PDB file of N, CA and C in Angstrom:
ATOM      1  N   MET A   1      43.640 -41.523 -46.309  1.00  0.00           N
ATOM      2  CA  MET A   1      43.545 -41.084 -47.312  1.00  0.00           C
ATOM      3  C   MET A   1      43.261 -42.222 -48.536  1.00  0.00           C
ATOM      4  N   ARG A   2      42.099 -43.004 -48.171  1.00  0.00           N
ATOM      5  CA  ARG A   2      41.493 -43.868 -49.425  1.00  0.00           C
ATOM      6  C   ARG A   2      41.012 -43.106 -50.525  1.00  0.00           C
ATOM      7  N   ASP A   3      40.597 -41.975 -50.295  1.00  0.00           N
ATOM      8  CA  ASP A   3      40.055 -41.207 -51.292  1.00  0.00           C
ATOM      9  C   ASP A   3      40.753 -40.662 -52.423  1.00  0.00           C
ATOM     10  N   LEU A   4      42.148 -40.885 -52.351  1.00  0.00           N
ATOM     11  CA  LEU A   4      43.318 -40.249 -53.202  1.00  0.00           C
ATOM     12  C   LEU A   4      42.834 -41.002 -54.682  1.00  0.00           C
ATOM     13  N   LEU A   5      43.406 -40.321 -55.738  1.00  0.00           N
ATOM     14  CA  LEU A   5      42.919 -40.681 -56.975  1.00  0.00           C
ATOM     15  C   LEU A   5      44.296 -40.857 -57.913  1.00  0.00           C
ATOM     16  N   LYS A   6      44.759 -41.871 -58.467  1.00  0.00           N
ATOM     17  CA  LYS A   6      45.528 -42.339 -59.354  1.00  0.00           C
ATOM     18  C   LYS A   6      45.310 -42.015 -60.859  1.00  0.00           C
ATOM     19  N   ALA A   7      46.121 -41.265 -61.537  1.00  0.00           N
ATOM     20  CA  ALA A   7      45.958 -41.414 -63.459  1.00  0.00           C
ATOM     21  C   ALA A   7      46.133 -42.452 -63.713  1.00  0.00           C
ATOM     22  N   ASP A   8      45.452 -43.247 -64.187  1.00  0.00           N
ATOM     23  CA  ASP A   8      45.557 -44.799 -64.783  1.00  0.00           C
ATOM     24  C   ASP A   8      46.476 -44.742 -65.786  1.00  0.00           C
ATOM     25  N   GLY A   9      47.659 -45.671 -65.333  1.00  0.00           N
ATOM     26  CA  GLY A   9      48.412 -46.260 -66.199  1.00  0.00           C
ATOM     27  C   GLY A   9      49.672 -45.378 -65.723  1.00  0.00           C
ATOM     28  N   PHE A  10      49.816 -44.662 -65.090  1.00  0.00           N
ATOM     29  CA  PHE A  10      51.116 -43.729 -64.862  1.00  0.00           C
ATOM     30  C   PHE A  10      51.880 -43.795 -63.362  1.00  0.00           C
ATOM     31  N   ASP A  11      51.350 -44.976 -63.020  1.00  0.00           N
ATOM     32  CA  ASP A  11      52.003 -45.516 -61.623  1.00  0.00           C
ATOM     33  C   ASP A  11      53.627 -45.208 -61.780  1.00  0.00           C
ATOM     34  N   ASP A  12      54.480 -45.375 -62.941  1.00  0.00           N
ATOM     35  CA  ASP A  12      55.789 -45.290 -62.806  1.00  0.00           C
ATOM     36  C   ASP A  12      56.345 -43.861 -62.983  1.00  0.00           C
ATOM     37  N   ALA A  13      55.116 -42.882 -63.230  1.00  0.00           N
ATOM     38  CA  ALA A  13      55.543 -41.296 -63.330  1.00  0.00           C
ATOM     39  C   ALA A  13      55.632 -40.797 -62.044  1.00  0.00           C
ATOM     40  N   ILE A  14      54.897 -41.305 -60.892  1.00  0.00           N
ATOM     41  CA  ILE A  14      54.388 -40.796 -59.310  1.00  0.00           C
ATOM     42  C   ILE A  14      55.923 -40.574 -58.866  1.00  0.00           C
ATOM     43  N   ILE A  15      55.708 -39.399 -58.411  1.00  0.00           N
ATOM     44  CA  ILE A  15      56.866 -38.795 -58.009  1.00  0.00           C
ATOM     45  C   ILE A  15      56.908 -38.358 -56.498  1.00  0.00           C
ATOM     46  N   GLY A  16      55.384 -38.827 -55.637  1.00  0.00           N
ATOM     47  CA  GLY A  16      55.386 -38.458 -54.112  1.00  0.00           C
ATOM     48  C   GLY A  16      54.012 -37.890 -54.217  1.00  0.00           C
ATOM     49  N   MET A  17      53.771 -37.513 -52.973  1.00  0.00           N
ATOM     50  CA  MET A  17      52.420 -36.530 -52.657  1.00  0.00           C
ATOM     51  C   MET A  17      52.524 -35.033 -52.640  1.00  0.00           C
ATOM     52  N   CYS A  18      51.420 -34.365 -52.461  1.00  0.00           N
ATOM     53  CA  CYS A  18      51.568 -33.108 -51.889  1.00  0.00           C
ATOM     54  C   CYS A  18      50.186 -32.841 -51.606  1.00  0.00           C
ATOM     55  N   GLN A  19      50.061 -31.493 -50.869  1.00  0.00           N
ATOM     56  CA  GLN A  19      48.646 -30.934 -50.596  1.00  0.00           C
ATOM     57  C   GLN A  19      48.356 -29.745 -51.426  1.00  0.00           C
ATOM     58  N   VAL A  20      47.159 -30.033 -51.697  1.00  0.00           N
ATOM     59  CA  VAL A  20      46.294 -28.828 -52.595  1.00  0.00           C
ATOM     60  C   VAL A  20      45.068 -28.644 -51.877  1.00  0.00           C
ATOM     61  N   HIS A  21      45.145 -27.265 -51.472  1.00  0.00           N
ATOM     62  CA  HIS A  21      44.176 -26.743 -50.836  1.00  0.00           C
ATOM     63  C   HIS A  21      43.813 -27.704 -49.289  1.00  0.00           C
ATOM     64  N   GLY A  22      44.629 -27.628 -48.763  1.00  0.00           N
ATOM     65  CA  GLY A  22      44.668 -28.805 -47.603  1.00  0.00           C
ATOM     66  C   GLY A  22      44.361 -30.194 -47.868  1.00  0.00           C
ATOM     67  N   GLU A  23      44.232 -30.838 -49.136  1.00  0.00           N
ATOM     68  CA  GLU A  23      44.099 -32.032 -49.214  1.00  0.00           C
ATOM     69  C   GLU A  23      45.446 -32.589 -50.207  1.00  0.00           C
ATOM     70  N   HIS A  24      45.871 -34.203 -49.509  1.00  0.00           N
ATOM     71  CA  HIS A  24      46.728 -34.983 -50.136  1.00  0.00           C
ATOM     72  C   HIS A  24      46.242 -35.616 -51.524  1.00  0.00           C
ATOM     73  N   VAL A  25      47.515 -35.501 -52.787  1.00  0.00           N
ATOM     74  CA  VAL A  25      47.136 -35.754 -53.597  1.00  0.00           C
ATOM     75  C   VAL A  25      48.409 -36.073 -54.586  1.00  0.00           C
ATOM     76  N   TYR A  26      48.353 -37.234 -55.292  1.00  0.00           N
ATOM     77  CA  TYR A  26      49.291 -37.770 -55.772  1.00  0.00           C
ATOM     78  C   TYR A  26      50.352 -36.789 -56.524  1.00  0.00           C
ATOM     79  N   ALA A  27      51.384 -36.677 -56.743  1.00  0.00           N
ATOM     80  CA  ALA A  27      52.129 -35.851 -57.932  1.00  0.00           C
ATOM     81  C   ALA A  27      52.559 -36.570 -58.952  1.00  0.00           C
ATOM     82  N   TYR A  28      52.952 -36.203 -59.895  1.00  0.00           N
ATOM     83  CA  TYR A  28      53.327 -36.904 -61.042  1.00  0.00           C
ATOM     84  C   TYR A  28      54.440 -36.044 -61.737  1.00  0.00           C
ATOM     85  N   ASP A  29      55.635 -36.659 -62.288  1.00  0.00           N
ATOM     86  CA  ASP A  29      56.431 -36.026 -63.212  1.00  0.00           C
ATOM     87  C   ASP A  29      55.865 -36.124 -64.380  1.00  0.00           C
ATOM     88  N   TYR A  30      55.439 -34.729 -65.065  1.00  0.00           N
ATOM     89  CA  TYR A  30      54.917 -34.524 -66.213  1.00  0.00           C
ATOM     90  C   TYR A  30      55.753 -35.318 -67.325  1.00  0.00           C
ATOM     91  N   GLU A  31      57.065 -35.315 -67.455  1.00  0.00           N
ATOM     92  CA  GLU A  31      57.616 -35.565 -68.555  1.00  0.00           C
ATOM     93  C   GLU A  31      57.472 -37.239 -68.559  1.00  0.00           C
ATOM     94  N   LYS A  32      57.772 -37.822 -67.590  1.00  0.00           N
ATOM     95  CA  LYS A  32      57.594 -39.268 -67.522  1.00  0.00           C
ATOM     96  C   LYS A  32      56.209 -39.601 -67.798  1.00  0.00           C
ATOM     97  N   CYS A  33      55.103 -39.021 -67.488  1.00  0.00           N
ATOM     98  CA  CYS A  33      53.967 -39.466 -68.098  1.00  0.00           C
ATOM     99  C   CYS A  33      54.081 -39.282 -69.511  1.00  0.00           C
ATOM    100  N   ILE A  34      54.597 -38.438 -69.846  1.00  0.00           N
ATOM    101  CA  ILE A  34      54.672 -38.107 -71.714  1.00  0.00           C
ATOM    102  C   ILE A  34      55.698 -39.480 -71.935  1.00  0.00           C
ATOM    103  N   GLU A  35      56.623 -40.136 -71.147  1.00  0.00           N
ATOM    104  CA  GLU A  35      57.419 -41.095 -71.777  1.00  0.00           C
ATOM    105  C   GLU A  35      57.142 -42.239 -71.680  1.00  0.00           C
ATOM    106  N   VAL A  36      55.993 -42.272 -70.620  1.00  0.00           N
ATOM    107  CA  VAL A  36      54.641 -43.812 -70.404  1.00  0.00           C
ATOM    108  C   VAL A  36      53.951 -43.826 -71.621  1.00  0.00           C
ATOM    109  N   LEU A  37      53.101 -42.767 -72.080  1.00  0.00           N
ATOM    110  CA  LEU A  37      52.677 -42.557 -73.113  1.00  0.00           C
ATOM    111  C   LEU A  37      53.351 -42.898 -74.808  1.00  0.00           C
ATOM    112  N   GLN A  38      54.685 -42.452 -74.594  1.00  0.00           N
ATOM    113  CA  GLN A  38      55.364 -42.922 -75.961  1.00  0.00           C
ATOM    114  C   GLN A  38      55.471 -44.545 -75.807  1.00  0.00           C
ATOM    115  N   ARG A  39      55.724 -44.909 -74.912  1.00  0.00           N
ATOM    116  CA  ARG A  39      56.191 -46.560 -74.546  1.00  0.00           C
ATOM    117  C   ARG A  39      55.135 -46.857 -74.632  1.00  0.00           C
ATOM    118  N   ASP A  40      54.015 -46.959 -73.953  1.00  0.00           N
ATOM    119  CA  ASP A  40      52.923 -48.118 -73.868  1.00  0.00           C
ATOM    120  C   ASP A  40      51.933 -47.497 -75.024  1.00  0.00           C
ATOM    121  N   GLN A  41      51.980 -46.373 -75.561  1.00  0.00           N
ATOM    122  CA  GLN A  41      50.659 -45.940 -76.398  1.00  0.00           C
ATOM    123  C   GLN A  41      50.963 -45.987 -77.886  1.00  0.00           C
ATOM    124  N   GLY A  42      52.729 -45.750 -78.119  1.00  0.00           N
ATOM    125  CA  GLY A  42      53.212 -45.678 -79.044  1.00  0.00           C
ATOM    126  C   GLY A  42      53.274 -44.359 -79.759  1.00  0.00           C
ATOM    127  N   PHE A  43      52.729 -43.227 -78.925  1.00  0.00           N
ATOM    128  CA  PHE A  43      52.572 -41.633 -79.542  1.00  0.00           C
ATOM    129  C   PHE A  43      53.608 -41.152 -79.778  1.00  0.00           C
ATOM    130  N   THR A  44      53.745 -39.974 -80.463  1.00  0.00           N
ATOM    131  CA  THR A  44      54.847 -39.181 -80.477  1.00  0.00           C
ATOM    132  C   THR A  44      54.744 -38.411 -79.321  1.00  0.00           C
ATOM    133  N   TYR A  45      55.944 -37.825 -79.425  1.00  0.00           N
ATOM    134  CA  TYR A  45      56.226 -36.628 -78.146  1.00  0.00           C
ATOM    135  C   TYR A  45      54.922 -35.746 -78.420  1.00  0.00           C
ATOM    136  N   LEU A  46      54.912 -34.943 -79.606  1.00  0.00           N
ATOM    137  CA  LEU A  46      53.673 -33.652 -79.585  1.00  0.00           C
ATOM    138  C   LEU A  46      52.346 -35.002 -79.412  1.00  0.00           C
ATOM    139  N   ASP A  47      52.156 -35.879 -79.905  1.00  0.00           N
ATOM    140  CA  ASP A  47      50.945 -36.398 -79.393  1.00  0.00           C
ATOM    141  C   ASP A  47      50.678 -36.672 -78.242  1.00  0.00           C
ATOM    142  N   SER A  48      51.466 -37.067 -77.323  1.00  0.00           N
ATOM    143  CA  SER A  48      51.814 -37.235 -75.817  1.00  0.00           C
ATOM    144  C   SER A  48      51.438 -35.948 -75.490  1.00  0.00           C
ATOM    145  N   VAL A  49      52.066 -35.197 -75.736  1.00  0.00           N
ATOM    146  CA  VAL A  49      51.686 -33.916 -74.971  1.00  0.00           C
ATOM    147  C   VAL A  49      50.480 -33.258 -74.985  1.00  0.00           C
ATOM    148  N   GLU A  50      49.788 -33.404 -76.521  1.00  0.00           N
ATOM    149  CA  GLU A  50      48.482 -33.148 -76.575  1.00  0.00           C
ATOM    150  C   GLU A  50      47.408 -33.918 -75.759  1.00  0.00           C
ATOM    151  N   TYR A  51      47.691 -35.365 -75.916  1.00  0.00           N
ATOM    152  CA  TYR A  51      46.920 -36.289 -75.019  1.00  0.00           C
ATOM    153  C   TYR A  51      46.814 -35.713 -73.369  1.00  0.00           C
ATOM    154  N   MET A  52      48.322 -35.375 -72.982  1.00  0.00           N
ATOM    155  CA  MET A  52      48.287 -35.208 -71.702  1.00  0.00           C
ATOM    156  C   MET A  52      47.515 -33.851 -71.182  1.00  0.00           C
ATOM    157  N   ASP A  53      47.889 -33.023 -71.914  1.00  0.00           N
ATOM    158  CA  ASP A  53      47.139 -31.452 -71.674  1.00  0.00           C
ATOM    159  C   ASP A  53      45.716 -31.649 -71.606  1.00  0.00           C
ATOM    160  N   PHE A  54      45.311 -32.259 -72.515  1.00  0.00           N
ATOM    161  CA  PHE A  54      43.781 -32.389 -72.538  1.00  0.00           C
ATOM    162  C   PHE A  54      42.808 -33.533 -71.787  1.00  0.00           C
ATOM    163  N   ASN A  55      43.404 -34.616 -71.744  1.00  0.00           N
ATOM    164  CA  ASN A  55      42.930 -35.890 -71.185  1.00  0.00           C
ATOM    165  C   ASN A  55      43.547 -36.208 -69.681  1.00  0.00           C
ATOM    166  N   VAL A  56      44.324 -35.786 -69.936  1.00  0.00           N
ATOM    167  CA  VAL A  56      45.012 -36.112 -67.998  1.00  0.00           C
ATOM    168  C   VAL A  56      45.009 -35.116 -67.391  1.00  0.00           C
ATOM    169  N   ALA A  57      46.208 -34.148 -67.463  1.00  0.00           N
ATOM    170  CA  ALA A  57      46.636 -33.178 -66.627  1.00  0.00           C
ATOM    171  C   ALA A  57      45.240 -32.083 -66.592  1.00  0.00           C
ATOM    172  N   GLY A  58      44.684 -31.874 -67.885  1.00  0.00           N
ATOM    173  CA  GLY A  58      43.526 -30.910 -67.498  1.00  0.00           C
ATOM    174  C   GLY A  58      42.404 -31.426 -67.230  1.00  0.00           C
ATOM    175  N   ALA A  59      42.458 -32.719 -66.973  1.00  0.00           N
ATOM    176  CA  ALA A  59      40.978 -33.450 -66.176  1.00  0.00           C
ATOM    177  C   ALA A  59      40.952 -32.929 -64.975  1.00  0.00           C
ATOM    178  N   TYR A  60      39.622 -32.533 -64.258  1.00  0.00           N
ATOM    179  CA  TYR A  60      39.666 -32.185 -62.815  1.00  0.00           C
ATOM    180  C   TYR A  60      38.167 -33.314 -62.352  1.00  0.00           C
ATOM    181  N   VAL A  61      38.732 -33.866 -61.639  1.00  0.00           N
ATOM    182  CA  VAL A  61      37.978 -35.317 -61.153  1.00  0.00           C
ATOM    183  C   VAL A  61      37.329 -35.165 -59.808  1.00  0.00           C
ATOM    184  N   GLY A  62      37.852 -33.849 -58.948  1.00  0.00           N
ATOM    185  CA  GLY A  62      37.310 -33.852 -57.450  1.00  0.00           C
ATOM    186  C   GLY A  62      38.339 -33.378 -57.087  1.00  0.00           C
ATOM    187  N   LYS A  63      38.220 -33.224 -55.839  1.00  0.00           N
ATOM    188  CA  LYS A  63      39.461 -32.460 -54.713  1.00  0.00           C
ATOM    189  C   LYS A  63      40.499 -33.369 -54.721  1.00  0.00           C
ATOM    190  N   HIS A  64      40.542 -34.699 -54.769  1.00  0.00           N
ATOM    191  CA  HIS A  64      41.916 -35.198 -55.027  1.00  0.00           C
ATOM    192  C   HIS A  64      42.552 -35.761 -56.139  1.00  0.00           C
ATOM    193  N   THR A  65      41.947 -34.558 -57.055  1.00  0.00           N
ATOM    194  CA  THR A  65      42.614 -35.070 -58.732  1.00  0.00           C
ATOM    195  C   THR A  65      44.428 -34.858 -58.526  1.00  0.00           C
ATOM    196  N   PRO A  66      44.995 -35.407 -59.060  1.00  0.00           N
ATOM    197  CA  PRO A  66      46.247 -35.568 -59.162  1.00  0.00           C
ATOM    198  C   PRO A  66      46.913 -34.223 -59.912  1.00  0.00           C
ATOM    199  N   VAL A  67      48.258 -34.028 -59.579  1.00  0.00           N
ATOM    200  CA  VAL A  67      48.939 -32.582 -60.002  1.00  0.00           C
ATOM    201  C   VAL A  67      50.207 -33.196 -60.753  1.00  0.00           C
ATOM    202  N   PHE A  68      50.612 -32.789 -61.939  1.00  0.00           N
ATOM    203  CA  PHE A  68      51.749 -33.084 -62.858  1.00  0.00           C
ATOM    204  C   PHE A  68      52.463 -31.739 -62.770  1.00  0.00           C
ATOM    205  N   VAL A  69      54.027 -32.458 -62.151  1.00  0.00           N
ATOM    206  CA  VAL A  69      54.959 -31.664 -61.834  1.00  0.00           C
ATOM    207  C   VAL A  69      55.981 -31.281 -63.417  1.00  0.00           C
ATOM    208  N   HIS A  70      56.130 -30.228 -63.539  1.00  0.00           N
ATOM    209  CA  HIS A  70      56.937 -29.881 -64.499  1.00  0.00           C
ATOM    210  C   HIS A  70      58.225 -29.415 -63.896  1.00  0.00           C
ATOM    211  N   ILE A  71      59.159 -30.685 -63.644  1.00  0.00           N
ATOM    212  CA  ILE A  71      60.257 -30.719 -62.931  1.00  0.00           C
ATOM    213  C   ILE A  71      61.493 -29.908 -63.697  1.00  0.00           C
ATOM    214  N   GLY A  72      62.056 -29.005 -63.100  1.00  0.00           N
ATOM    215  CA  GLY A  72      63.248 -28.304 -63.920  1.00  0.00           C
ATOM    216  C   GLY A  72      62.953 -27.415 -64.678  1.00  0.00           C
ATOM    217  N   GLU A  73      61.841 -27.028 -65.293  1.00  0.00           N
ATOM    218  CA  GLU A  73      61.262 -26.151 -65.967  1.00  0.00           C
ATOM    219  C   GLU A  73      61.002 -24.797 -65.686  1.00  0.00           C
ATOM    220  N   THR A  74      60.949 -23.822 -66.094  1.00  0.00           N
ATOM    221  CA  THR A  74      60.443 -22.242 -66.037  1.00  0.00           C
ATOM    222  C   THR A  74      59.485 -22.409 -66.475  1.00  0.00           C
ATOM    223  N   GLU A  75      58.659 -20.911 -65.831  1.00  0.00           N
ATOM    224  CA  GLU A  75      57.315 -20.931 -66.111  1.00  0.00           C
ATOM    225  C   GLU A  75      57.459 -20.566 -67.653  1.00  0.00           C
ATOM    226  N   GLU A  76      58.456 -19.965 -68.237  1.00  0.00           N
ATOM    227  CA  GLU A  76      58.513 -19.351 -69.710  1.00  0.00           C
ATOM    228  C   GLU A  76      58.746 -20.865 -70.553  1.00  0.00           C
ATOM    229  N   ASP A  77      59.240 -21.672 -69.764  1.00  0.00           N
ATOM    230  CA  ASP A  77      59.433 -23.028 -70.575  1.00  0.00           C
ATOM    231  C   ASP A  77      58.025 -23.770 -70.877  1.00  0.00           C
ATOM    232  N   VAL A  78      57.213 -24.048 -70.092  1.00  0.00           N
ATOM    233  CA  VAL A  78      55.992 -24.450 -69.925  1.00  0.00           C
ATOM    234  C   VAL A  78      55.314 -23.564 -70.513  1.00  0.00           C
ATOM    235  N   ILE A  79      55.002 -22.090 -70.586  1.00  0.00           N
ATOM    236  CA  ILE A  79      54.115 -21.408 -71.292  1.00  0.00           C
ATOM    237  C   ILE A  79      54.658 -21.076 -72.795  1.00  0.00           C
ATOM    238  N   ASP A  80      55.680 -21.041 -73.144  1.00  0.00           N
ATOM    239  CA  ASP A  80      56.107 -21.058 -74.398  1.00  0.00           C
ATOM    240  C   ASP A  80      56.282 -22.683 -75.066  1.00  0.00           C
ATOM    241  N   GLY A  81      55.717 -23.512 -74.393  1.00  0.00           N
ATOM    242  CA  GLY A  81      56.286 -24.621 -75.046  1.00  0.00           C
ATOM    243  C   GLY A  81      57.567 -25.193 -75.534  1.00  0.00           C
ATOM    244  N   ALA A  82      58.399 -24.905 -74.703  1.00  0.00           N
ATOM    245  CA  ALA A  82      59.682 -25.058 -75.151  1.00  0.00           C
ATOM    246  C   ALA A  82      60.407 -26.301 -74.192  1.00  0.00           C
ATOM    247  N   THR A  83      59.464 -27.101 -74.204  1.00  0.00           N
ATOM    248  CA  THR A  83      59.920 -28.763 -73.893  1.00  0.00           C
ATOM    249  C   THR A  83      60.662 -29.613 -74.644  1.00  0.00           C
ATOM    250  N   PRO A  84      61.310 -30.394 -74.259  1.00  0.00           N
ATOM    251  CA  PRO A  84      61.919 -31.035 -75.435  1.00  0.00           C
ATOM    252  C   PRO A  84      61.129 -32.103 -76.355  1.00  0.00           C
TER     253      PRO A  84
END
């Protein structure tokens, strides 16, 4: 499992591991990633969401690309952008 990829700078947001198409990947709490960006980069909430969606969660870097979990949110929350 040494091929696993981490999202740089987001170790505080790791919640575990999961399997995607039979491959193990790191799983991150999406909202904790937002908090990391606000804390470490000084981004606003909206800037953090934009950065996460475009540069982190939206990036595919191969079969061990991490996943970002929207804990406790419904599909409508995520699609409609109803996050806090």
